[in-house]
PDB file of all heavy atoms in Angstrom:
ATOM      1  N   LEU A   1      10.843   0.908   5.589  1.00  0.00           N
ATOM      2  CA  LEU A   1      10.546   0.336   4.244  1.00  0.00           C
ATOM      3  C   LEU A   1       9.828  -0.949   4.244  1.00  0.00           C
ATOM      4  O   LEU A   1       8.845  -1.097   3.526  1.00  0.00           O
ATOM      5  CB  LEU A   1      11.889   0.226   3.441  1.00  0.00           C
ATOM      6  CG  LEU A   1      12.524   1.465   2.847  1.00  0.00           C
ATOM      7  CD1 LEU A   1      13.927   1.218   2.491  1.00  0.00           C
ATOM      8  CD2 LEU A   1      11.666   1.935   1.736  1.00  0.00           C
ATOM      9  N   LEU A   2      10.186  -1.843   5.133  1.00  0.00           N
ATOM     10  CA  LEU A   2       9.571  -3.137   5.228  1.00  0.00           C
ATOM     11  C   LEU A   2       8.069  -3.008   5.672  1.00  0.00           C
ATOM     12  O   LEU A   2       7.180  -3.586   5.029  1.00  0.00           O
ATOM     13  CB  LEU A   2      10.321  -4.050   6.220  1.00  0.00           C
ATOM     14  CG  LEU A   2       9.719  -5.425   6.458  1.00  0.00           C
ATOM     15  CD1 LEU A   2       9.909  -6.258   5.251  1.00  0.00           C
ATOM     16  CD2 LEU A   2      10.406  -6.061   7.702  1.00  0.00           C
ATOM     17  N   LEU A   3       7.863  -2.272   6.743  1.00  0.00           N
ATOM     18  CA  LEU A   3       6.478  -2.133   7.167  1.00  0.00           C
ATOM     19  C   LEU A   3       5.669  -1.289   6.219  1.00  0.00           C
ATOM     20  O   LEU A   3       4.431  -1.620   6.040  1.00  0.00           O
ATOM     21  CB  LEU A   3       6.555  -1.391   8.566  1.00  0.00           C
ATOM     22  CG  LEU A   3       7.094  -2.247   9.713  1.00  0.00           C
ATOM     23  CD1 LEU A   3       7.237  -1.435  10.987  1.00  0.00           C
ATOM     24  CD2 LEU A   3       6.301  -3.491   9.968  1.00  0.00           C
ATOM     25  N   GLY A   4       6.212  -0.283   5.593  1.00  0.00           N
ATOM     26  CA  GLY A   4       5.542   0.482   4.557  1.00  0.00           C
ATOM     27  C   GLY A   4       5.117  -0.421   3.326  1.00  0.00           C
ATOM     28  O   GLY A   4       3.979  -0.329   2.910  1.00  0.00           O
ATOM     29  N   GLY A   5       6.032  -1.259   2.948  1.00  0.00           N
ATOM     30  CA  GLY A   5       5.754  -2.233   1.811  1.00  0.00           C
ATOM     31  C   GLY A   5       4.654  -3.154   2.253  1.00  0.00           C
ATOM     32  O   GLY A   5       3.758  -3.546   1.464  1.00  0.00           O
ATOM     33  N   TRP A   6       4.677  -3.620   3.506  1.00  0.00           N
ATOM     34  CA  TRP A   6       3.641  -4.497   4.010  1.00  0.00           C
ATOM     35  C   TRP A   6       2.338  -3.861   4.058  1.00  0.00           C
ATOM     36  O   TRP A   6       1.307  -4.421   3.687  1.00  0.00           O
ATOM     37  CB  TRP A   6       4.045  -5.001   5.333  1.00  0.00           C
ATOM     38  CG  TRP A   6       3.356  -6.233   5.878  1.00  0.00           C
ATOM     39  CD1 TRP A   6       2.385  -6.967   5.216  1.00  0.00           C
ATOM     40  CD2 TRP A   6       3.456  -6.852   7.174  1.00  0.00           C
ATOM     41  NE1 TRP A   6       1.951  -7.991   6.006  1.00  0.00           N
ATOM     42  CE2 TRP A   6       2.577  -7.918   7.218  1.00  0.00           C
ATOM     43  CE3 TRP A   6       4.246  -6.555   8.216  1.00  0.00           C
ATOM     44  CZ2 TRP A   6       2.487  -8.748   8.344  1.00  0.00           C
ATOM     45  CZ3 TRP A   6       4.162  -7.382   9.339  1.00  0.00           C
ATOM     46  CH2 TRP A   6       3.296  -8.440   9.466  1.00  0.00           C
ATOM     47  N   LEU A   7       2.336  -2.550   4.381  1.00  0.00           N
ATOM     48  CA  LEU A   7       1.009  -1.856   4.404  1.00  0.00           C
ATOM     49  C   LEU A   7       0.408  -1.747   2.999  1.00  0.00           C
ATOM     50  O   LEU A   7      -0.808  -1.851   2.855  1.00  0.00           O
ATOM     51  CB  LEU A   7       1.268  -0.464   4.965  1.00  0.00           C
ATOM     52  CG  LEU A   7       1.390  -0.344   6.497  1.00  0.00           C
ATOM     53  CD1 LEU A   7       1.752   1.117   6.876  1.00  0.00           C
ATOM     54  CD2 LEU A   7       0.067  -0.657   7.152  1.00  0.00           C
ATOM     55  N   VAL A   8       1.318  -1.460   2.029  1.00  0.00           N
ATOM     56  CA  VAL A   8       0.800  -1.438   0.648  1.00  0.00           C
ATOM     57  C   VAL A   8       0.163  -2.802   0.288  1.00  0.00           C
ATOM     58  O   VAL A   8      -0.949  -2.819  -0.285  1.00  0.00           O
ATOM     59  CB  VAL A   8       1.944  -1.054  -0.396  1.00  0.00           C
ATOM     60  CG1 VAL A   8       1.485  -1.269  -1.777  1.00  0.00           C
ATOM     61  CG2 VAL A   8       2.453   0.344  -0.074  1.00  0.00           C
ATOM     62  N   GLN A   9       0.837  -3.865   0.594  1.00  0.00           N
ATOM     63  CA  GLN A   9       0.254  -5.225   0.334  1.00  0.00           C
ATOM     64  C   GLN A   9      -1.004  -5.442   1.049  1.00  0.00           C
ATOM     65  O   GLN A   9      -2.048  -5.979   0.494  1.00  0.00           O
ATOM     66  CB  GLN A   9       1.244  -6.292   0.675  1.00  0.00           C
ATOM     67  CG  GLN A   9       2.512  -6.293  -0.201  1.00  0.00           C
ATOM     68  CD  GLN A   9       2.174  -6.448  -1.632  1.00  0.00           C
ATOM     69  OE1 GLN A   9       1.420  -7.230  -2.074  1.00  0.00           O
ATOM     70  NE2 GLN A   9       2.868  -5.643  -2.471  1.00  0.00           N
ATOM     71  N   LEU A  10      -1.151  -5.096   2.313  1.00  0.00           N
ATOM     72  CA  LEU A  10      -2.328  -5.286   3.100  1.00  0.00           C
ATOM     73  C   LEU A  10      -3.445  -4.372   2.676  1.00  0.00           C
ATOM     74  O   LEU A  10      -4.597  -4.633   2.920  1.00  0.00           O
ATOM     75  CB  LEU A  10      -2.058  -5.050   4.526  1.00  0.00           C
ATOM     76  CG  LEU A  10      -1.109  -6.073   5.279  1.00  0.00           C
ATOM     77  CD1 LEU A  10      -0.778  -5.591   6.702  1.00  0.00           C
ATOM     78  CD2 LEU A  10      -1.842  -7.417   5.317  1.00  0.00           C
ATOM     79  N   SER A  11      -3.100  -3.265   1.991  1.00  0.00           N
ATOM     80  CA  SER A  11      -4.230  -2.340   1.570  1.00  0.00           C
ATOM     81  C   SER A  11      -5.056  -2.877   0.431  1.00  0.00           C
ATOM     82  O   SER A  11      -6.137  -2.427   0.211  1.00  0.00           O
ATOM     83  CB  SER A  11      -3.614  -0.957   1.157  1.00  0.00           C
ATOM     84  OG  SER A  11      -3.083  -1.049  -0.188  1.00  0.00           O
ATOM     85  N   ASP A  12      -4.649  -3.897  -0.205  1.00  0.00           N
ATOM     86  CA  ASP A  12      -5.406  -4.525  -1.285  1.00  0.00           C
ATOM     87  C   ASP A  12      -6.796  -4.983  -0.742  1.00  0.00           C
ATOM     88  O   ASP A  12      -7.751  -4.985  -1.539  1.00  0.00           O
ATOM     89  CB  ASP A  12      -4.705  -5.797  -1.895  1.00  0.00           C
ATOM     90  CG  ASP A  12      -3.580  -5.318  -2.719  1.00  0.00           C
ATOM     91  OD1 ASP A  12      -3.471  -4.197  -3.117  1.00  0.00           O
ATOM     92  OD2 ASP A  12      -2.649  -6.193  -2.991  1.00  0.00           O
ATOM     93  N   ASP A  13      -6.858  -5.335   0.522  1.00  0.00           N
ATOM     94  CA  ASP A  13      -8.137  -5.813   1.078  1.00  0.00           C
ATOM     95  C   ASP A  13      -8.951  -4.748   1.653  1.00  0.00           C
ATOM     96  O   ASP A  13     -10.017  -4.992   2.321  1.00  0.00           O
ATOM     97  CB  ASP A  13      -7.823  -6.889   2.157  1.00  0.00           C
ATOM     98  CG  ASP A  13      -7.114  -8.127   1.594  1.00  0.00           C
ATOM     99  OD1 ASP A  13      -7.313  -8.380   0.408  1.00  0.00           O
ATOM    100  OD2 ASP A  13      -6.418  -8.744   2.339  1.00  0.00           O
ATOM    101  N   ARG A  14      -8.538  -3.469   1.516  1.00  0.00           N
ATOM    102  CA  ARG A  14      -9.245  -2.344   2.106  1.00  0.00           C
ATOM    103  C   ARG A  14      -9.987  -1.578   1.028  1.00  0.00           C
ATOM    104  O   ARG A  14      -9.615  -1.610  -0.102  1.00  0.00           O
ATOM    105  CB  ARG A  14      -8.251  -1.476   2.847  1.00  0.00           C
ATOM    106  CG  ARG A  14      -7.607  -2.188   4.011  1.00  0.00           C
ATOM    107  CD  ARG A  14      -6.547  -1.322   4.706  1.00  0.00           C
ATOM    108  NE  ARG A  14      -7.109  -0.106   5.294  1.00  0.00           N
ATOM    109  CZ  ARG A  14      -7.751  -0.001   6.425  1.00  0.00           C
ATOM    110  NH1 ARG A  14      -7.877  -1.085   7.180  1.00  0.00           N
ATOM    111  NH2 ARG A  14      -8.274   1.098   6.839  1.00  0.00           N
ATOM    112  N   ARG A  15     -10.976  -0.758   1.497  1.00  0.00           N
ATOM    113  CA  ARG A  15     -11.765   0.081   0.584  1.00  0.00           C
ATOM    114  C   ARG A  15     -10.905   1.142  -0.059  1.00  0.00           C
ATOM    115  O   ARG A  15     -11.016   1.458  -1.259  1.00  0.00           O
ATOM    116  CB  ARG A  15     -12.866   0.699   1.390  1.00  0.00           C
ATOM    117  CG  ARG A  15     -13.838   1.468   0.472  1.00  0.00           C
ATOM    118  CD  ARG A  15     -14.997   2.113   1.268  1.00  0.00           C
ATOM    119  NE  ARG A  15     -14.509   3.340   1.832  1.00  0.00           N
ATOM    120  CZ  ARG A  15     -14.389   3.619   3.140  1.00  0.00           C
ATOM    121  NH1 ARG A  15     -14.796   2.786   4.043  1.00  0.00           N
ATOM    122  NH2 ARG A  15     -13.895   4.793   3.596  1.00  0.00           N
ATOM    123  N   ASP A  16      -9.893   1.633   0.683  1.00  0.00           N
ATOM    124  CA  ASP A  16      -9.053   2.726   0.150  1.00  0.00           C
ATOM    125  C   ASP A  16      -7.705   2.144  -0.192  1.00  0.00           C
ATOM    126  O   ASP A  16      -6.603   2.545   0.181  1.00  0.00           O
ATOM    127  CB  ASP A  16      -8.901   3.778   1.266  1.00  0.00           C
ATOM    128  CG  ASP A  16      -8.358   3.228   2.573  1.00  0.00           C
ATOM    129  OD1 ASP A  16      -8.415   2.054   2.865  1.00  0.00           O
ATOM    130  OD2 ASP A  16      -7.957   4.087   3.414  1.00  0.00           O
ATOM    131  N   ALA A  17      -7.696   1.067  -1.057  1.00  0.00           N
ATOM    132  CA  ALA A  17      -6.440   0.386  -1.495  1.00  0.00           C
ATOM    133  C   ALA A  17      -5.497   1.398  -2.263  1.00  0.00           C
ATOM    134  O   ALA A  17      -6.027   2.312  -2.869  1.00  0.00           O
ATOM    135  CB  ALA A  17      -6.777  -0.780  -2.338  1.00  0.00           C
ATOM    136  N   TYR A  18      -4.228   1.158  -2.077  1.00  0.00           N
ATOM    137  CA  TYR A  18      -3.214   1.927  -2.763  1.00  0.00           C
ATOM    138  C   TYR A  18      -2.191   1.016  -3.271  1.00  0.00           C
ATOM    139  O   TYR A  18      -2.126  -0.159  -2.886  1.00  0.00           O
ATOM    140  CB  TYR A  18      -2.683   3.067  -1.946  1.00  0.00           C
ATOM    141  CG  TYR A  18      -2.351   2.733  -0.515  1.00  0.00           C
ATOM    142  CD1 TYR A  18      -1.091   2.243  -0.197  1.00  0.00           C
ATOM    143  CD2 TYR A  18      -3.291   2.795   0.479  1.00  0.00           C
ATOM    144  CE1 TYR A  18      -0.757   1.919   1.062  1.00  0.00           C
ATOM    145  CE2 TYR A  18      -2.980   2.488   1.776  1.00  0.00           C
ATOM    146  CZ  TYR A  18      -1.723   2.009   2.124  1.00  0.00           C
ATOM    147  OH  TYR A  18      -1.422   1.705   3.363  1.00  0.00           O
ATOM    148  N   SER A  19      -1.262   1.494  -4.108  1.00  0.00           N
ATOM    149  CA  SER A  19      -0.237   0.621  -4.689  1.00  0.00           C
ATOM    150  C   SER A  19       1.122   1.381  -4.728  1.00  0.00           C
ATOM    151  O   SER A  19       1.259   2.513  -4.543  1.00  0.00           O
ATOM    152  CB  SER A  19      -0.591   0.216  -6.086  1.00  0.00           C
ATOM    153  OG  SER A  19      -0.505   1.264  -6.972  1.00  0.00           O
ATOM    154  N   PHE A  20       2.193   0.603  -5.120  1.00  0.00           N
ATOM    155  CA  PHE A  20       3.426   1.159  -5.281  1.00  0.00           C
ATOM    156  C   PHE A  20       3.528   2.182  -6.399  1.00  0.00           C
ATOM    157  O   PHE A  20       4.441   2.958  -6.536  1.00  0.00           O
ATOM    158  CB  PHE A  20       4.475   0.062  -5.510  1.00  0.00           C
ATOM    159  CG  PHE A  20       4.730  -0.721  -4.246  1.00  0.00           C
ATOM    160  CD1 PHE A  20       4.232  -2.066  -4.201  1.00  0.00           C
ATOM    161  CD2 PHE A  20       5.457  -0.281  -3.216  1.00  0.00           C
ATOM    162  CE1 PHE A  20       4.464  -2.807  -3.081  1.00  0.00           C
ATOM    163  CE2 PHE A  20       5.727  -1.057  -2.081  1.00  0.00           C
ATOM    164  CZ  PHE A  20       5.214  -2.296  -2.004  1.00  0.00           C
ATOM    165  N   GLY A  21       2.520   2.159  -7.313  1.00  0.00           N
ATOM    166  CA  GLY A  21       2.451   3.146  -8.389  1.00  0.00           C
ATOM    167  C   GLY A  21       1.946   4.482  -7.960  1.00  0.00           C
ATOM    168  O   GLY A  21       2.001   5.438  -8.710  1.00  0.00           O
ATOM    169  N   ASP A  22       1.322   4.615  -6.807  1.00  0.00           N
ATOM    170  CA  ASP A  22       0.773   5.856  -6.336  1.00  0.00           C
ATOM    171  C   ASP A  22       1.941   6.795  -6.023  1.00  0.00           C
ATOM    172  O   ASP A  22       2.950   6.371  -5.373  1.00  0.00           O
ATOM    173  CB  ASP A  22      -0.125   5.698  -5.130  1.00  0.00           C
ATOM    174  CG  ASP A  22      -1.454   4.936  -5.451  1.00  0.00           C
ATOM    175  OD1 ASP A  22      -1.824   4.959  -6.607  1.00  0.00           O
ATOM    176  OD2 ASP A  22      -1.964   4.360  -4.508  1.00  0.00           O
ATOM    177  N   GLY A  23       1.813   8.039  -6.444  1.00  0.00           N
ATOM    178  CA  GLY A  23       2.920   8.984  -6.241  1.00  0.00           C
ATOM    179  C   GLY A  23       3.396   9.173  -4.763  1.00  0.00           C
ATOM    180  O   GLY A  23       4.660   9.191  -4.530  1.00  0.00           O
ATOM    181  N   TRP A  24       2.473   9.214  -3.841  1.00  0.00           N
ATOM    182  CA  TRP A  24       2.880   9.376  -2.476  1.00  0.00           C
ATOM    183  C   TRP A  24       3.618   8.129  -1.927  1.00  0.00           C
ATOM    184  O   TRP A  24       4.345   8.214  -0.968  1.00  0.00           O
ATOM    185  CB  TRP A  24       1.671   9.791  -1.649  1.00  0.00           C
ATOM    186  CG  TRP A  24       0.601   8.772  -1.554  1.00  0.00           C
ATOM    187  CD1 TRP A  24      -0.407   8.591  -2.398  1.00  0.00           C
ATOM    188  CD2 TRP A  24       0.488   7.733  -0.456  1.00  0.00           C
ATOM    189  NE1 TRP A  24      -1.187   7.524  -2.011  1.00  0.00           N
ATOM    190  CE2 TRP A  24      -0.688   7.009  -0.821  1.00  0.00           C
ATOM    191  CE3 TRP A  24       1.203   7.488   0.641  1.00  0.00           C
ATOM    192  CZ2 TRP A  24      -1.079   5.934  -0.015  1.00  0.00           C
ATOM    193  CZ3 TRP A  24       0.752   6.418   1.440  1.00  0.00           C
ATOM    194  CH2 TRP A  24      -0.366   5.670   1.152  1.00  0.00           C
ATOM    195  N   VAL A  25       3.352   6.983  -2.514  1.00  0.00           N
ATOM    196  CA  VAL A  25       4.010   5.745  -2.037  1.00  0.00           C
ATOM    197  C   VAL A  25       5.399   5.607  -2.561  1.00  0.00           C
ATOM    198  O   VAL A  25       6.405   5.466  -1.860  1.00  0.00           O
ATOM    199  CB  VAL A  25       3.135   4.487  -2.497  1.00  0.00           C
ATOM    200  CG1 VAL A  25       3.827   3.211  -2.083  1.00  0.00           C
ATOM    201  CG2 VAL A  25       1.746   4.502  -1.811  1.00  0.00           C
TER     202      VAL A  25
END
């Protein structure tokens, strides 16, 4: 959970950003 949440936060700086609102997340 911790590492997954961190990945979501780090994805903001990536071209394929995702968020906690995405269904798969």
